[in-house]
Structure formats: C-alpha cells, structure tokens
Amino acid sequence: MSGGEVAGILVAVFWAILVSFLAVALARLAQTLRATTKLVADVTEQAVPLLADASAAVRSAQTQIDRVDSIASDVQEVTSNASALSTTVASTFGGPLVKVAAFGYGVRRALGARRGDDVPAKAPRRTVIVGRTVPASRREKRNARGEKD
C-alpha cells in the first residue's frame, strides 16, 4: 500500500464517520420536530377552549360594566333631584320659620318684661353657629357691664 492509498482510506473512514454523525443528528432533529409538532397541536387543542372562555368572560364583564354605568347615571340623577328638592325646601320654609322664631322670641321678651322679670337692658351678644354658641367678645362684655374701653 502506498501513501496515496492510505490517505484515501483515511479520507473514506473520515467521511463515513462524518456521514454517520450527520445521520444521527438528522434523526434527532426529526424526532425533535415531531415532538414540537405534537406539542403545538396539544397547545392548540387547549388554547381554543381557553380563548372561548376568555371571550365569554370579556363579554360578561362588558355587560356588567354597562349595568354599572346605567346605575351610576341613575344615582347622578337622584342626587341632582335631591339637591333641587333641598334647595326648594330651604327657600320655601327657611324664611317663614325664621320669622316665626323671631316672633316667638319677641313675644317671650314682651311677656317677660310685662311680668316684671328682670331682663337686662343690654345682654352680651352671642353668635350662633349651627348648633354652637360662640361667646361674646371681651369688648362687648365690658360694654354690657358699663366699663369703658
């Protein structure tokens, strides 16, 4: 055997080993592609029902949002009606009630003065703020006692 024949045999063995490695790699690649195809098919089978359920959930949520929107608009209308009613009641009954209260106070003072009850000539002035009485200022108290500033 000459050097060229040995080289030819080595090249042939090298090509045989290379082809066998390529065949194994291609076989594994084909197996991987089959597994991938099966996986994609399984995901598709499971994804379609999930997408249908998600679509139904979105439709249901939209229906509920429409209902809430309707309720919110009704509440807004009721609120504006209540505000208008409150304003009407305040303007209708507010003035006459104040006049009746002032008249009652005047009658009580007049009857008290007639009976001889000791009513101070100038009592310290007080300011009433929604359920609270604020005491008179120091100057008003001194003036009521007859002291000078």
N, C-alpha and C. Protein backbone atom coordinates (compact mmCIF):
# COMPACT_ATOMS: atom_id res chain seq x y z
N MET A 1 0.82 -1.16 0.00
CA MET A 1 0.00 0.00 0.00
C MET A 1 0.88 1.24 0.00
N SER A 2 0.45 2.10 -0.83
CA SER A 2 1.24 3.31 -0.95
C SER A 2 0.64 4.39 -0.08
N GLY A 3 1.29 5.52 0.00
CA GLY A 3 0.85 6.63 0.84
C GLY A 3 -0.47 7.20 0.35
N GLY A 4 -0.71 7.19 -0.97
CA GLY A 4 -1.97 7.72 -1.53
C GLY A 4 -3.13 6.83 -1.16
N GLU A 5 -2.90 5.50 -1.16
CA GLU A 5 -3.97 4.58 -0.82
C GLU A 5 -4.35 4.71 0.66
N VAL A 6 -3.35 4.88 1.52
CA VAL A 6 -3.61 5.06 2.95
C VAL A 6 -4.38 6.36 3.17
N ALA A 7 -3.98 7.38 2.45
CA ALA A 7 -4.67 8.66 2.58
C ALA A 7 -6.10 8.52 2.10
N GLY A 8 -6.33 7.78 1.03
CA GLY A 8 -7.68 7.57 0.51
C GLY A 8 -8.55 6.81 1.50
N ILE A 9 -7.95 5.78 2.15
CA ILE A 9 -8.70 5.01 3.15
C ILE A 9 -9.05 5.90 4.34
N LEU A 10 -8.12 6.73 4.79
CA LEU A 10 -8.38 7.64 5.91
C LEU A 10 -9.49 8.64 5.57
N VAL A 11 -9.45 9.14 4.36
CA VAL A 11 -10.49 10.09 3.93
C VAL A 11 -11.84 9.38 3.88
N ALA A 12 -11.84 8.15 3.36
CA ALA A 12 -13.10 7.39 3.28
C ALA A 12 -13.65 7.10 4.67
N VAL A 13 -12.77 6.72 5.62
CA VAL A 13 -13.21 6.47 7.01
C VAL A 13 -13.73 7.76 7.63
N PHE A 14 -13.01 8.85 7.40
CA PHE A 14 -13.44 10.15 7.94
C PHE A 14 -14.82 10.51 7.42
N TRP A 15 -15.04 10.31 6.08
CA TRP A 15 -16.35 10.63 5.50
C TRP A 15 -17.43 9.70 6.04
N ALA A 16 -17.11 8.49 6.30
CA ALA A 16 -18.10 7.54 6.84
C ALA A 16 -18.51 7.96 8.26
N ILE A 17 -17.50 8.35 9.06
CA ILE A 17 -17.79 8.82 10.42
C ILE A 17 -18.62 10.10 10.36
N LEU A 18 -18.25 11.01 9.47
CA LEU A 18 -18.98 12.29 9.32
C LEU A 18 -20.42 12.05 8.90
N VAL A 19 -20.62 11.16 7.94
CA VAL A 19 -21.97 10.86 7.46
C VAL A 19 -22.79 10.21 8.56
N SER A 20 -22.17 9.33 9.37
CA SER A 20 -22.92 8.70 10.46
C SER A 20 -23.31 9.73 11.52
N PHE A 21 -22.42 10.65 11.84
CA PHE A 21 -22.76 11.72 12.79
C PHE A 21 -23.89 12.59 12.24
N LEU A 22 -23.82 12.92 10.96
CA LEU A 22 -24.88 13.72 10.34
C LEU A 22 -26.21 12.96 10.33
N ALA A 23 -26.15 11.66 10.11
CA ALA A 23 -27.37 10.85 10.10
C ALA A 23 -27.99 10.82 11.50
N VAL A 24 -27.15 10.67 12.53
CA VAL A 24 -27.66 10.68 13.91
C VAL A 24 -28.25 12.06 14.23
N ALA A 25 -27.56 13.13 13.83
CA ALA A 25 -28.06 14.49 14.08
C ALA A 25 -29.38 14.72 13.37
N LEU A 26 -29.49 14.26 12.13
CA LEU A 26 -30.74 14.43 11.38
C LEU A 26 -31.86 13.60 11.99
N ALA A 27 -31.54 12.42 12.49
CA ALA A 27 -32.56 11.59 13.14
C ALA A 27 -33.06 12.27 14.41
N ARG A 28 -32.16 12.83 15.20
CA ARG A 28 -32.57 13.55 16.42
C ARG A 28 -33.37 14.82 16.07
N LEU A 29 -32.95 15.50 15.02
CA LEU A 29 -33.68 16.70 14.58
C LEU A 29 -35.10 16.34 14.15
N ALA A 30 -35.22 15.21 13.43
CA ALA A 30 -36.55 14.76 13.01
C ALA A 30 -37.40 14.41 14.22
N GLN A 31 -36.80 13.76 15.22
CA GLN A 31 -37.53 13.42 16.44
C GLN A 31 -37.96 14.69 17.18
N THR A 32 -37.09 15.68 17.25
CA THR A 32 -37.41 16.96 17.90
C THR A 32 -38.54 17.67 17.17
N LEU A 33 -38.50 17.65 15.85
CA LEU A 33 -39.56 18.28 15.06
C LEU A 33 -40.90 17.58 15.27
N ARG A 34 -40.90 16.25 15.38
CA ARG A 34 -42.14 15.52 15.66
C ARG A 34 -42.69 15.90 17.03
N ALA A 35 -41.81 15.96 18.02
CA ALA A 35 -42.25 16.33 19.37
C ALA A 35 -42.79 17.76 19.39
N THR A 36 -42.12 18.64 18.66
CA THR A 36 -42.57 20.04 18.59
C THR A 36 -43.93 20.12 17.91
N THR A 37 -44.12 19.38 16.86
CA THR A 37 -45.40 19.36 16.17
C THR A 37 -46.51 18.86 17.08
N LYS A 38 -46.23 17.80 17.83
CA LYS A 38 -47.21 17.26 18.78
C LYS A 38 -47.52 18.30 19.86
N LEU A 39 -46.50 18.97 20.37
CA LEU A 39 -46.68 19.99 21.41
C LEU A 39 -47.54 21.14 20.90
N VAL A 40 -47.28 21.61 19.69
CA VAL A 40 -48.07 22.70 19.10
C VAL A 40 -49.52 22.26 18.92
N ALA A 41 -49.72 21.04 18.50
CA ALA A 41 -51.09 20.53 18.33
C ALA A 41 -51.81 20.47 19.68
N ASP A 42 -51.13 20.01 20.73
CA ASP A 42 -51.74 19.95 22.07
C ASP A 42 -52.06 21.35 22.59
N VAL A 43 -51.15 22.27 22.40
CA VAL A 43 -51.38 23.66 22.85
C VAL A 43 -52.56 24.26 22.10
N THR A 44 -52.65 23.99 20.82
CA THR A 44 -53.77 24.49 20.04
C THR A 44 -55.09 23.91 20.54
N GLU A 45 -55.10 22.61 20.85
CA GLU A 45 -56.32 21.99 21.36
C GLU A 45 -56.75 22.61 22.69
N GLN A 46 -55.79 22.95 23.53
CA GLN A 46 -56.13 23.54 24.83
C GLN A 46 -56.38 25.04 24.74
N ALA A 47 -55.74 25.72 23.81
CA ALA A 47 -55.86 27.18 23.71
C ALA A 47 -57.21 27.61 23.17
N VAL A 48 -57.76 26.85 22.26
CA VAL A 48 -59.04 27.23 21.66
C VAL A 48 -60.15 27.31 22.71
N PRO A 49 -60.33 26.30 23.58
CA PRO A 49 -61.36 26.45 24.62
C PRO A 49 -61.05 27.58 25.60
N LEU A 50 -59.77 27.77 25.92
CA LEU A 50 -59.41 28.86 26.83
C LEU A 50 -59.74 30.22 26.22
N LEU A 51 -59.47 30.37 24.94
CA LEU A 51 -59.80 31.63 24.27
C LEU A 51 -61.31 31.84 24.22
N ALA A 52 -62.07 30.77 24.04
CA ALA A 52 -63.52 30.89 24.05
C ALA A 52 -64.01 31.31 25.43
N ASP A 53 -63.44 30.72 26.49
CA ASP A 53 -63.81 31.10 27.85
C ASP A 53 -63.43 32.56 28.13
N ALA A 54 -62.25 32.96 27.69
CA ALA A 54 -61.82 34.34 27.89
C ALA A 54 -62.74 35.31 27.16
N SER A 55 -63.15 34.95 25.97
CA SER A 55 -64.06 35.80 25.20
C SER A 55 -65.40 35.93 25.91
N ALA A 56 -65.90 34.81 26.46
CA ALA A 56 -67.16 34.85 27.22
C ALA A 56 -67.02 35.71 28.46
N ALA A 57 -65.88 35.62 29.14
CA ALA A 57 -65.64 36.44 30.34
C ALA A 57 -65.61 37.92 29.99
N VAL A 58 -64.99 38.26 28.88
CA VAL A 58 -64.92 39.67 28.46
C VAL A 58 -66.33 40.18 28.12
N ARG A 59 -67.12 39.36 27.45
CA ARG A 59 -68.50 39.78 27.14
C ARG A 59 -69.31 39.98 28.42
N SER A 60 -69.14 39.07 29.38
CA SER A 60 -69.85 39.19 30.66
C SER A 60 -69.41 40.45 31.40
N ALA A 61 -68.11 40.72 31.39
CA ALA A 61 -67.61 41.93 32.05
C ALA A 61 -68.17 43.18 31.37
N GLN A 62 -68.26 43.18 30.07
CA GLN A 62 -68.81 44.33 29.36
C GLN A 62 -70.28 44.55 29.73
N THR A 63 -71.02 43.45 29.86
CA THR A 63 -72.43 43.56 30.27
C THR A 63 -72.53 44.16 31.67
N GLN A 64 -71.67 43.71 32.59
CA GLN A 64 -71.69 44.23 33.96
C GLN A 64 -71.29 45.70 33.98
N ILE A 65 -70.33 46.09 33.17
CA ILE A 65 -69.91 47.50 33.11
C ILE A 65 -71.06 48.35 32.58
N ASP A 66 -71.78 47.86 31.60
CA ASP A 66 -72.94 48.60 31.09
C ASP A 66 -73.99 48.78 32.18
N ARG A 67 -74.21 47.74 32.98
CA ARG A 67 -75.18 47.85 34.09
C ARG A 67 -74.72 48.86 35.13
N VAL A 68 -73.45 48.81 35.48
CA VAL A 68 -72.91 49.76 36.47
C VAL A 68 -73.01 51.19 35.94
N ASP A 69 -72.75 51.36 34.66
CA ASP A 69 -72.86 52.69 34.06
C ASP A 69 -74.29 53.20 34.15
N SER A 70 -75.25 52.33 33.89
CA SER A 70 -76.66 52.70 34.00
C SER A 70 -77.01 53.09 35.43
N ILE A 71 -76.53 52.29 36.39
CA ILE A 71 -76.80 52.58 37.80
C ILE A 71 -76.16 53.91 38.20
N ALA A 72 -74.95 54.17 37.74
CA ALA A 72 -74.26 55.41 38.08
C ALA A 72 -75.01 56.62 37.53
N SER A 73 -75.53 56.51 36.33
CA SER A 73 -76.28 57.64 35.77
C SER A 73 -77.58 57.85 36.54
N ASP A 74 -78.23 56.75 36.99
CA ASP A 74 -79.44 56.89 37.81
C ASP A 74 -79.13 57.55 39.15
N VAL A 75 -78.01 57.17 39.76
CA VAL A 75 -77.62 57.77 41.04
C VAL A 75 -77.33 59.25 40.85
N GLN A 76 -76.71 59.60 39.76
CA GLN A 76 -76.42 61.01 39.49
C GLN A 76 -77.73 61.80 39.34
N GLU A 77 -78.70 61.23 38.67
CA GLU A 77 -79.98 61.90 38.50
C GLU A 77 -80.69 62.06 39.85
N VAL A 78 -80.65 61.01 40.68
CA VAL A 78 -81.28 61.09 42.01
C VAL A 78 -80.58 62.15 42.85
N THR A 79 -79.28 62.23 42.77
CA THR A 79 -78.53 63.22 43.54
C THR A 79 -78.91 64.64 43.12
N SER A 80 -79.02 64.87 41.82
CA SER A 80 -79.39 66.22 41.37
C SER A 80 -80.83 66.54 41.78
N ASN A 81 -81.73 65.53 41.75
CA ASN A 81 -83.10 65.77 42.20
C ASN A 81 -83.15 66.08 43.69
N ALA A 82 -82.35 65.36 44.49
CA ALA A 82 -82.32 65.61 45.93
C ALA A 82 -81.77 67.00 46.22
N SER A 83 -80.77 67.41 45.47
CA SER A 83 -80.21 68.76 45.66
C SER A 83 -81.25 69.83 45.32
N ALA A 84 -81.97 69.62 44.23
CA ALA A 84 -83.01 70.59 43.85
C ALA A 84 -84.11 70.63 44.91
N LEU A 85 -84.50 69.46 45.42
CA LEU A 85 -85.52 69.40 46.46
C LEU A 85 -85.06 70.10 47.72
N SER A 86 -83.82 69.89 48.11
CA SER A 86 -83.27 70.54 49.31
C SER A 86 -83.28 72.05 49.15
N THR A 87 -82.88 72.53 47.99
CA THR A 87 -82.88 73.97 47.74
C THR A 87 -84.29 74.53 47.79
N THR A 88 -85.23 73.80 47.20
CA THR A 88 -86.63 74.25 47.21
C THR A 88 -87.19 74.31 48.63
N VAL A 89 -86.95 73.27 49.41
CA VAL A 89 -87.45 73.24 50.79
C VAL A 89 -86.82 74.36 51.61
N ALA A 90 -85.52 74.57 51.44
CA ALA A 90 -84.85 75.62 52.21
C ALA A 90 -85.39 77.00 51.85
N SER A 91 -85.62 77.24 50.57
CA SER A 91 -86.11 78.56 50.18
C SER A 91 -87.59 78.73 50.54
N THR A 92 -88.36 77.64 50.56
CA THR A 92 -89.78 77.74 50.87
C THR A 92 -90.04 77.90 52.35
N PHE A 93 -89.38 77.08 53.16
CA PHE A 93 -89.67 77.07 54.59
C PHE A 93 -88.67 77.86 55.42
N GLY A 94 -87.50 78.15 54.90
CA GLY A 94 -86.46 78.82 55.68
C GLY A 94 -86.86 80.19 56.16
N GLY A 95 -87.31 81.05 55.28
CA GLY A 95 -87.70 82.42 55.65
C GLY A 95 -88.84 82.46 56.63
N PRO A 96 -89.95 81.78 56.36
CA PRO A 96 -91.06 81.81 57.31
C PRO A 96 -90.71 81.23 58.67
N LEU A 97 -89.90 80.19 58.73
CA LEU A 97 -89.52 79.62 60.03
C LEU A 97 -88.70 80.60 60.84
N VAL A 98 -87.81 81.33 60.19
CA VAL A 98 -87.02 82.33 60.90
C VAL A 98 -87.93 83.43 61.43
N LYS A 99 -88.91 83.83 60.64
CA LYS A 99 -89.83 84.87 61.09
C LYS A 99 -90.67 84.40 62.27
N VAL A 100 -91.15 83.17 62.22
CA VAL A 100 -91.93 82.63 63.34
C VAL A 100 -91.07 82.56 64.59
N ALA A 101 -89.83 82.11 64.47
CA ALA A 101 -88.93 82.04 65.63
C ALA A 101 -88.67 83.43 66.20
N ALA A 102 -88.46 84.41 65.34
CA ALA A 102 -88.22 85.78 65.82
C ALA A 102 -89.46 86.32 66.50
N PHE A 103 -90.62 86.04 65.95
CA PHE A 103 -91.87 86.48 66.56
C PHE A 103 -92.05 85.85 67.94
N GLY A 104 -91.78 84.55 68.05
CA GLY A 104 -91.89 83.86 69.34
C GLY A 104 -90.93 84.44 70.36
N TYR A 105 -89.73 84.75 69.94
CA TYR A 105 -88.75 85.34 70.85
C TYR A 105 -89.23 86.72 71.32
N GLY A 106 -89.74 87.50 70.38
CA GLY A 106 -90.24 88.84 70.75
C GLY A 106 -91.40 88.75 71.72
N VAL A 107 -92.30 87.80 71.50
CA VAL A 107 -93.44 87.63 72.40
C VAL A 107 -92.96 87.23 73.78
N ARG A 108 -92.02 86.31 73.88
CA ARG A 108 -91.48 85.88 75.19
C ARG A 108 -90.84 87.05 75.92
N ARG A 109 -90.08 87.85 75.20
CA ARG A 109 -89.43 89.00 75.85
C ARG A 109 -90.47 90.01 76.31
N ALA A 110 -91.47 90.23 75.48
CA ALA A 110 -92.51 91.20 75.85
C ALA A 110 -93.28 90.71 77.06
N LEU A 111 -93.66 89.42 77.09
CA LEU A 111 -94.37 88.88 78.24
C LEU A 111 -93.50 88.88 79.48
N GLY A 112 -92.23 88.60 79.33
CA GLY A 112 -91.30 88.62 80.47
C GLY A 112 -91.16 90.02 81.02
N ALA A 113 -91.09 91.03 80.17
CA ALA A 113 -90.95 92.42 80.62
C ALA A 113 -92.25 92.88 81.29
N ARG A 114 -93.36 92.39 80.82
CA ARG A 114 -94.65 92.77 81.39
C ARG A 114 -94.85 92.19 82.77
N ARG A 115 -94.36 90.97 82.97
CA ARG A 115 -94.49 90.33 84.28
C ARG A 115 -93.54 90.93 85.29
N GLY A 116 -92.56 91.64 84.82
CA GLY A 116 -91.62 92.26 85.73
C GLY A 116 -90.35 91.44 85.91
N ASP A 117 -90.17 90.44 85.08
CA ASP A 117 -88.92 89.67 85.16
C ASP A 117 -87.78 90.61 84.88
N ASP A 118 -86.69 90.38 85.58
CA ASP A 118 -85.53 91.24 85.39
C ASP A 118 -84.82 90.85 84.11
N VAL A 119 -85.04 91.64 83.08
CA VAL A 119 -84.40 91.41 81.80
C VAL A 119 -83.31 92.46 81.66
N PRO A 120 -82.07 92.06 81.54
CA PRO A 120 -81.01 93.05 81.42
C PRO A 120 -81.23 93.93 80.19
N ALA A 121 -80.88 95.20 80.36
CA ALA A 121 -81.09 96.15 79.27
C ALA A 121 -80.24 95.77 78.05
N LYS A 122 -79.04 95.39 78.30
CA LYS A 122 -78.18 95.05 77.17
C LYS A 122 -77.36 93.82 77.56
N ALA A 123 -77.84 92.67 77.18
CA ALA A 123 -77.13 91.42 77.48
C ALA A 123 -75.98 91.25 76.49
N PRO A 124 -74.93 90.53 76.90
CA PRO A 124 -73.84 90.31 75.95
C PRO A 124 -74.35 89.59 74.71
N ARG A 125 -73.88 90.03 73.62
CA ARG A 125 -74.32 89.47 72.36
C ARG A 125 -73.59 88.17 72.07
N ARG A 126 -74.33 87.17 71.58
CA ARG A 126 -73.73 85.88 71.25
C ARG A 126 -74.06 85.55 69.79
N THR A 127 -73.15 84.88 69.18
CA THR A 127 -73.34 84.45 67.80
C THR A 127 -73.60 82.95 67.80
N VAL A 128 -74.64 82.53 67.08
CA VAL A 128 -74.98 81.11 66.99
C VAL A 128 -74.48 80.59 65.65
N ILE A 129 -73.71 79.52 65.72
CA ILE A 129 -73.21 78.88 64.50
C ILE A 129 -73.67 77.43 64.54
N VAL A 130 -74.63 77.08 63.76
CA VAL A 130 -75.17 75.74 63.55
C VAL A 130 -74.96 74.85 64.78
N GLY A 131 -75.77 75.07 65.77
CA GLY A 131 -75.77 74.19 66.93
C GLY A 131 -74.76 74.56 68.00
N ARG A 132 -73.96 75.61 67.80
CA ARG A 132 -72.97 76.02 68.80
C ARG A 132 -73.15 77.49 69.11
N THR A 133 -72.94 77.87 70.33
CA THR A 133 -73.00 79.28 70.70
C THR A 133 -71.58 79.76 70.96
N VAL A 134 -71.22 80.84 70.29
CA VAL A 134 -69.89 81.42 70.44
C VAL A 134 -70.00 82.56 71.43
N PRO A 135 -69.15 82.58 72.46
CA PRO A 135 -69.25 83.66 73.45
C PRO A 135 -68.97 85.02 72.84
N ALA A 136 -69.52 86.04 73.49
CA ALA A 136 -69.35 87.42 73.03
C ALA A 136 -67.89 87.83 73.20
N SER A 137 -67.49 88.87 72.50
CA SER A 137 -66.11 89.34 72.60
C SER A 137 -65.91 90.05 73.94
N ARG A 138 -64.66 90.26 74.31
CA ARG A 138 -64.36 90.92 75.58
C ARG A 138 -64.90 92.35 75.59
N ARG A 139 -64.80 93.03 74.49
CA ARG A 139 -65.28 94.41 74.41
C ARG A 139 -66.78 94.46 74.67
N GLU A 140 -67.53 93.54 74.05
CA GLU A 140 -68.98 93.51 74.25
C GLU A 140 -69.31 93.21 75.70
N LYS A 141 -68.54 92.32 76.35
CA LYS A 141 -68.78 92.03 77.77
C LYS A 141 -68.52 93.25 78.63
N ARG A 142 -67.42 93.97 78.36
CA ARG A 142 -67.13 95.17 79.15
C ARG A 142 -68.19 96.24 78.93
N ASN A 143 -68.65 96.41 77.70
CA ASN A 143 -69.69 97.39 77.42
C ASN A 143 -70.99 97.02 78.13
N ALA A 144 -71.29 95.72 78.22
CA ALA A 144 -72.51 95.27 78.88
C ALA A 144 -72.44 95.55 80.39
N ARG A 145 -71.22 95.51 80.97
CA ARG A 145 -71.04 95.79 82.40
C ARG A 145 -70.95 97.29 82.66
N GLY A 146 -70.85 98.07 81.61
CA GLY A 146 -70.78 99.53 81.77
C GLY A 146 -69.36 100.04 81.86
N GLU A 147 -68.37 99.22 81.58
CA GLU A 147 -66.99 99.66 81.62
C GLU A 147 -66.64 100.34 80.31
N LYS A 148 -65.64 101.23 80.37
CA LYS A 148 -65.19 101.92 79.16
C LYS A 148 -63.96 101.23 78.60
N ASP A 149 -63.76 101.43 77.29
CA ASP A 149 -62.59 100.83 76.62
C ASP A 149 -61.32 101.53 76.98
